[in-house]
Amino acid sequence: MSTPAGFDELIHPATRLSVVALLAATEWADFAFVRDSLSLSDSALSKQLHTLEEAGYLELHKEGGGRTRRTRVRLTDRGRTAFEGHVAALRAIVEGAGRPADDTPSERRHHSGAGR
């Protein structure tokens, strides 16, 4: 099986996929909210955000300084498009799993053990 169009190797690792999925549901999110929602350490989240930011998939905005420093993050249009394409590719993989293109419904029942 070939990899479907839209499959994104950068987004695919579980932690990055979780970050992007969380951000896809909002306009902006606080660093602490993302960290706590995904049960990540500051350093683990920072690393993933840096990777996604370098790819142009998200934007970081830092406000204040010292103890009052606040970091907010959002998906860019490029990141949102990449996420939507990756989700569509994953759906295509799941929907096509175990179904050869020329398989008829009766043959699928036979292969799955139905009717035995």
N, C-alpha and C. Protein backbone atom coordinates (compact mmCIF):
# COMPACT_ATOMS: atom_id res chain seq x y z
N MET A 1 0.85 -1.18 0.00
CA MET A 1 0.00 0.00 0.00
C MET A 1 0.89 1.24 0.00
N SER A 2 0.56 2.16 -0.87
CA SER A 2 1.34 3.40 -0.91
C SER A 2 0.80 4.38 0.14
N THR A 3 1.64 5.31 0.51
CA THR A 3 1.24 6.31 1.49
C THR A 3 0.30 7.30 0.83
N PRO A 4 -0.87 7.55 1.42
CA PRO A 4 -1.83 8.48 0.81
C PRO A 4 -1.31 9.91 0.79
N ALA A 5 -1.79 10.66 -0.19
CA ALA A 5 -1.45 12.09 -0.27
C ALA A 5 -1.87 12.76 1.02
N GLY A 6 -1.06 13.68 1.47
CA GLY A 6 -1.38 14.42 2.68
C GLY A 6 -0.76 13.86 3.94
N PHE A 7 -0.26 12.62 3.89
CA PHE A 7 0.38 12.04 5.07
C PHE A 7 1.60 12.88 5.40
N ASP A 8 1.72 13.32 6.64
CA ASP A 8 2.78 14.24 7.03
C ASP A 8 3.66 13.60 8.10
N GLU A 9 4.88 13.23 7.71
CA GLU A 9 5.82 12.58 8.62
C GLU A 9 6.17 13.47 9.81
N LEU A 10 6.16 14.79 9.62
CA LEU A 10 6.50 15.71 10.70
C LEU A 10 5.43 15.71 11.79
N ILE A 11 4.18 15.66 11.38
CA ILE A 11 3.06 15.68 12.33
C ILE A 11 2.81 14.30 12.94
N HIS A 12 3.15 13.25 12.23
CA HIS A 12 2.73 11.90 12.61
C HIS A 12 3.16 11.40 13.99
N PRO A 13 4.36 11.68 14.48
CA PRO A 13 4.69 11.17 15.82
C PRO A 13 3.62 11.58 16.85
N ALA A 14 3.31 10.67 17.74
CA ALA A 14 2.17 10.82 18.65
C ALA A 14 2.15 12.15 19.41
N THR A 15 3.29 12.58 19.92
CA THR A 15 3.30 13.82 20.70
C THR A 15 2.98 15.02 19.83
N ARG A 16 3.61 15.10 18.65
CA ARG A 16 3.33 16.24 17.76
C ARG A 16 1.91 16.18 17.24
N LEU A 17 1.41 14.99 16.93
CA LEU A 17 0.02 14.87 16.48
C LEU A 17 -0.93 15.34 17.57
N SER A 18 -0.66 15.01 18.82
CA SER A 18 -1.49 15.45 19.94
C SER A 18 -1.44 16.97 20.10
N VAL A 19 -0.26 17.56 19.95
CA VAL A 19 -0.13 19.02 20.05
C VAL A 19 -0.95 19.69 18.95
N VAL A 20 -0.76 19.24 17.73
CA VAL A 20 -1.44 19.87 16.60
C VAL A 20 -2.95 19.67 16.69
N ALA A 21 -3.39 18.49 17.10
CA ALA A 21 -4.83 18.24 17.25
C ALA A 21 -5.43 19.17 18.31
N LEU A 22 -4.73 19.36 19.40
CA LEU A 22 -5.22 20.25 20.45
C LEU A 22 -5.30 21.68 19.93
N LEU A 23 -4.27 22.12 19.23
CA LEU A 23 -4.26 23.49 18.71
C LEU A 23 -5.27 23.70 17.59
N ALA A 24 -5.61 22.65 16.87
CA ALA A 24 -6.58 22.77 15.77
C ALA A 24 -7.97 23.14 16.28
N ALA A 25 -8.20 22.88 17.56
CA ALA A 25 -9.52 23.14 18.14
C ALA A 25 -9.65 24.55 18.71
N THR A 26 -8.62 25.38 18.56
CA THR A 26 -8.65 26.70 19.16
C THR A 26 -7.89 27.70 18.30
N GLU A 27 -8.05 28.97 18.58
CA GLU A 27 -7.28 29.99 17.87
C GLU A 27 -5.89 30.14 18.50
N TRP A 28 -5.84 30.38 19.80
CA TRP A 28 -4.59 30.49 20.57
C TRP A 28 -4.72 29.63 21.82
N ALA A 29 -3.60 29.10 22.29
CA ALA A 29 -3.60 28.34 23.55
C ALA A 29 -2.36 28.72 24.35
N ASP A 30 -2.51 28.79 25.66
CA ASP A 30 -1.38 29.05 26.54
C ASP A 30 -0.49 27.82 26.60
N PHE A 31 0.82 28.06 26.67
CA PHE A 31 1.80 26.99 26.79
C PHE A 31 1.42 26.05 27.94
N ALA A 32 1.07 26.62 29.09
CA ALA A 32 0.74 25.80 30.26
C ALA A 32 -0.48 24.92 30.01
N PHE A 33 -1.46 25.44 29.29
CA PHE A 33 -2.65 24.64 28.97
C PHE A 33 -2.28 23.45 28.10
N VAL A 34 -1.47 23.68 27.08
CA VAL A 34 -1.05 22.59 26.19
C VAL A 34 -0.24 21.57 26.98
N ARG A 35 0.72 22.06 27.76
CA ARG A 35 1.58 21.19 28.58
C ARG A 35 0.74 20.31 29.51
N ASP A 36 -0.18 20.94 30.23
CA ASP A 36 -0.99 20.19 31.20
C ASP A 36 -1.99 19.26 30.52
N SER A 37 -2.57 19.70 29.42
CA SER A 37 -3.55 18.87 28.70
C SER A 37 -2.92 17.59 28.17
N LEU A 38 -1.66 17.68 27.78
CA LEU A 38 -0.98 16.53 27.18
C LEU A 38 -0.03 15.83 28.14
N SER A 39 0.01 16.29 29.40
CA SER A 39 0.88 15.70 30.42
C SER A 39 2.33 15.64 29.96
N LEU A 40 2.84 16.77 29.49
CA LEU A 40 4.22 16.86 29.03
C LEU A 40 5.02 17.74 29.97
N SER A 41 6.32 17.54 29.98
CA SER A 41 7.19 18.45 30.72
C SER A 41 7.39 19.71 29.88
N ASP A 42 7.84 20.78 30.53
CA ASP A 42 8.12 22.01 29.79
C ASP A 42 9.11 21.75 28.66
N SER A 43 10.17 21.01 28.96
CA SER A 43 11.21 20.79 27.94
C SER A 43 10.70 19.92 26.79
N ALA A 44 9.91 18.90 27.09
CA ALA A 44 9.37 18.04 26.03
C ALA A 44 8.45 18.83 25.11
N LEU A 45 7.58 19.67 25.70
CA LEU A 45 6.68 20.47 24.88
C LEU A 45 7.47 21.50 24.08
N SER A 46 8.43 22.16 24.71
CA SER A 46 9.24 23.17 24.02
C SER A 46 9.92 22.57 22.78
N LYS A 47 10.45 21.38 22.92
CA LYS A 47 11.12 20.72 21.80
C LYS A 47 10.15 20.49 20.64
N GLN A 48 8.96 19.99 20.95
CA GLN A 48 7.97 19.73 19.90
C GLN A 48 7.49 21.03 19.25
N LEU A 49 7.27 22.06 20.07
CA LEU A 49 6.83 23.34 19.53
C LEU A 49 7.90 23.94 18.62
N HIS A 50 9.16 23.80 19.01
CA HIS A 50 10.26 24.32 18.21
C HIS A 50 10.29 23.64 16.84
N THR A 51 10.15 22.32 16.82
CA THR A 51 10.15 21.57 15.57
C THR A 51 9.01 22.02 14.67
N LEU A 52 7.82 22.16 15.24
CA LEU A 52 6.65 22.59 14.47
C LEU A 52 6.78 24.04 14.00
N GLU A 53 7.37 24.87 14.84
CA GLU A 53 7.56 26.28 14.47
C GLU A 53 8.56 26.39 13.31
N GLU A 54 9.64 25.63 13.36
CA GLU A 54 10.63 25.65 12.27
C GLU A 54 10.02 25.24 10.94
N ALA A 55 9.03 24.35 10.98
CA ALA A 55 8.35 23.90 9.76
C ALA A 55 7.30 24.90 9.28
N GLY A 56 7.06 25.94 10.08
CA GLY A 56 6.05 26.93 9.72
C GLY A 56 4.64 26.51 10.08
N TYR A 57 4.51 25.48 10.93
CA TYR A 57 3.20 24.95 11.29
C TYR A 57 2.56 25.67 12.47
N LEU A 58 3.35 26.39 13.25
CA LEU A 58 2.77 27.13 14.36
C LEU A 58 3.54 28.40 14.64
N GLU A 59 2.89 29.26 15.39
CA GLU A 59 3.45 30.55 15.77
C GLU A 59 3.44 30.65 17.28
N LEU A 60 4.54 31.14 17.83
CA LEU A 60 4.65 31.38 19.27
C LEU A 60 4.62 32.88 19.52
N HIS A 61 3.93 33.27 20.57
CA HIS A 61 3.88 34.68 20.96
C HIS A 61 4.19 34.76 22.44
N LYS A 62 5.26 35.48 22.77
CA LYS A 62 5.68 35.61 24.18
C LYS A 62 5.34 37.01 24.66
N GLU A 63 4.73 37.07 25.85
CA GLU A 63 4.33 38.34 26.45
C GLU A 63 4.97 38.46 27.82
N GLY A 64 5.23 39.67 28.24
CA GLY A 64 5.76 39.91 29.58
C GLY A 64 7.20 39.46 29.71
N GLY A 65 7.62 39.36 30.97
CA GLY A 65 8.98 38.95 31.25
C GLY A 65 9.09 38.39 32.65
N GLY A 66 10.19 37.72 32.92
CA GLY A 66 10.41 37.14 34.25
C GLY A 66 9.32 36.16 34.65
N ARG A 67 8.82 36.32 35.87
CA ARG A 67 7.79 35.40 36.38
C ARG A 67 6.44 35.59 35.72
N THR A 68 6.24 36.74 35.10
CA THR A 68 4.94 37.00 34.46
C THR A 68 4.97 36.69 32.97
N ARG A 69 6.05 36.07 32.51
CA ARG A 69 6.15 35.71 31.09
C ARG A 69 5.07 34.71 30.73
N ARG A 70 4.42 34.98 29.62
CA ARG A 70 3.34 34.10 29.15
C ARG A 70 3.61 33.76 27.69
N THR A 71 3.58 32.49 27.37
CA THR A 71 3.78 32.04 25.99
C THR A 71 2.47 31.48 25.48
N ARG A 72 2.08 31.98 24.32
CA ARG A 72 0.86 31.49 23.66
C ARG A 72 1.26 30.90 22.32
N VAL A 73 0.49 29.96 21.85
CA VAL A 73 0.82 29.25 20.62
C VAL A 73 -0.44 29.04 19.79
N ARG A 74 -0.26 29.06 18.48
CA ARG A 74 -1.38 28.79 17.58
C ARG A 74 -0.87 28.13 16.31
N LEU A 75 -1.77 27.41 15.64
CA LEU A 75 -1.43 26.85 14.33
C LEU A 75 -1.46 27.97 13.30
N THR A 76 -0.55 27.92 12.37
CA THR A 76 -0.60 28.82 11.23
C THR A 76 -1.56 28.20 10.21
N ASP A 77 -1.88 28.94 9.17
CA ASP A 77 -2.72 28.36 8.11
C ASP A 77 -2.04 27.14 7.50
N ARG A 78 -0.73 27.22 7.33
CA ARG A 78 0.04 26.09 6.80
C ARG A 78 -0.08 24.88 7.73
N GLY A 79 0.02 25.10 9.04
CA GLY A 79 -0.09 24.01 10.00
C GLY A 79 -1.47 23.39 10.02
N ARG A 80 -2.48 24.23 9.94
CA ARG A 80 -3.87 23.74 9.93
C ARG A 80 -4.13 22.90 8.68
N THR A 81 -3.63 23.37 7.54
CA THR A 81 -3.79 22.63 6.28
C THR A 81 -3.05 21.29 6.35
N ALA A 82 -1.84 21.31 6.90
CA ALA A 82 -1.07 20.07 7.03
C ALA A 82 -1.79 19.08 7.95
N PHE A 83 -2.34 19.57 9.05
CA PHE A 83 -3.06 18.70 9.98
C PHE A 83 -4.29 18.09 9.31
N GLU A 84 -5.06 18.91 8.63
CA GLU A 84 -6.27 18.41 7.95
C GLU A 84 -5.91 17.38 6.89
N GLY A 85 -4.83 17.61 6.16
CA GLY A 85 -4.38 16.64 5.16
C GLY A 85 -3.92 15.35 5.79
N HIS A 86 -3.24 15.46 6.92
CA HIS A 86 -2.76 14.26 7.62
C HIS A 86 -3.92 13.44 8.16
N VAL A 87 -4.90 14.10 8.73
CA VAL A 87 -6.09 13.39 9.24
C VAL A 87 -6.81 12.68 8.09
N ALA A 88 -6.94 13.34 6.95
CA ALA A 88 -7.58 12.71 5.79
C ALA A 88 -6.78 11.50 5.33
N ALA A 89 -5.45 11.61 5.34
CA ALA A 89 -4.60 10.49 4.94
C ALA A 89 -4.75 9.31 5.92
N LEU A 90 -4.81 9.61 7.22
CA LEU A 90 -5.00 8.55 8.21
C LEU A 90 -6.35 7.86 8.02
N ARG A 91 -7.37 8.64 7.73
CA ARG A 91 -8.70 8.05 7.48
C ARG A 91 -8.65 7.14 6.26
N ALA A 92 -7.96 7.55 5.21
CA ALA A 92 -7.84 6.73 4.01
C ALA A 92 -7.13 5.41 4.31
N ILE A 93 -6.11 5.48 5.14
CA ILE A 93 -5.38 4.27 5.54
C ILE A 93 -6.30 3.33 6.31
N VAL A 94 -7.02 3.86 7.28
CA VAL A 94 -7.90 3.05 8.12
C VAL A 94 -9.04 2.45 7.29
N GLU A 95 -9.64 3.28 6.45
CA GLU A 95 -10.77 2.80 5.64
C GLU A 95 -10.34 1.75 4.62
N GLY A 96 -9.10 1.85 4.16
CA GLY A 96 -8.62 0.90 3.16
C GLY A 96 -7.94 -0.33 3.73
N ALA A 97 -7.80 -0.38 5.04
CA ALA A 97 -7.08 -1.50 5.67
C ALA A 97 -7.79 -2.82 5.41
N GLY A 98 -7.06 -3.77 4.89
CA GLY A 98 -7.58 -5.12 4.72
C GLY A 98 -8.58 -5.28 3.59
N ARG A 99 -8.74 -4.26 2.76
CA ARG A 99 -9.70 -4.37 1.66
C ARG A 99 -9.00 -4.19 0.32
N PRO A 100 -8.61 -5.29 -0.31
CA PRO A 100 -8.07 -5.16 -1.67
C PRO A 100 -9.12 -4.52 -2.58
N ALA A 101 -8.69 -3.78 -3.55
CA ALA A 101 -9.60 -3.01 -4.40
C ALA A 101 -10.60 -3.89 -5.14
N ASP A 102 -10.23 -5.13 -5.49
CA ASP A 102 -11.15 -5.99 -6.24
C ASP A 102 -11.93 -6.96 -5.37
N ASP A 103 -11.85 -6.80 -4.06
CA ASP A 103 -12.54 -7.67 -3.11
C ASP A 103 -14.04 -7.39 -3.13
N THR A 104 -14.85 -8.40 -3.30
CA THR A 104 -16.30 -8.23 -3.26
C THR A 104 -16.79 -8.43 -1.84
N PRO A 105 -17.98 -7.92 -1.52
CA PRO A 105 -18.51 -8.10 -0.15
C PRO A 105 -18.57 -9.56 0.26
N SER A 106 -18.96 -10.47 -0.63
CA SER A 106 -19.06 -11.88 -0.24
C SER A 106 -17.69 -12.47 0.05
N GLU A 107 -16.67 -12.05 -0.70
CA GLU A 107 -15.33 -12.55 -0.44
C GLU A 107 -14.78 -12.00 0.86
N ARG A 108 -15.14 -10.76 1.21
CA ARG A 108 -14.69 -10.19 2.49
C ARG A 108 -15.26 -11.00 3.65
N ARG A 109 -16.53 -11.42 3.54
CA ARG A 109 -17.11 -12.23 4.61
C ARG A 109 -16.35 -13.54 4.74
N HIS A 110 -15.99 -14.12 3.61
CA HIS A 110 -15.26 -15.38 3.63
C HIS A 110 -13.90 -15.21 4.30
N HIS A 111 -13.18 -14.14 3.94
CA HIS A 111 -11.85 -13.91 4.51
C HIS A 111 -11.93 -13.58 6.00
N SER A 112 -13.00 -12.95 6.43
CA SER A 112 -13.08 -12.56 7.85
C SER A 112 -13.58 -13.68 8.73
N GLY A 113 -13.96 -14.78 8.11
CA GLY A 113 -14.44 -15.91 8.91
C GLY A 113 -15.94 -15.89 9.11
N ALA A 114 -16.63 -14.90 8.53
CA ALA A 114 -18.09 -14.83 8.68
C ALA A 114 -18.71 -15.98 7.92
N GLY A 115 -19.78 -16.54 8.43
CA GLY A 115 -20.52 -17.59 7.77
C GLY A 115 -19.93 -18.97 7.97
N ARG A 116 -18.92 -19.11 8.77
CA ARG A 116 -18.31 -20.43 9.00
C ARG A 116 -18.96 -21.10 10.16
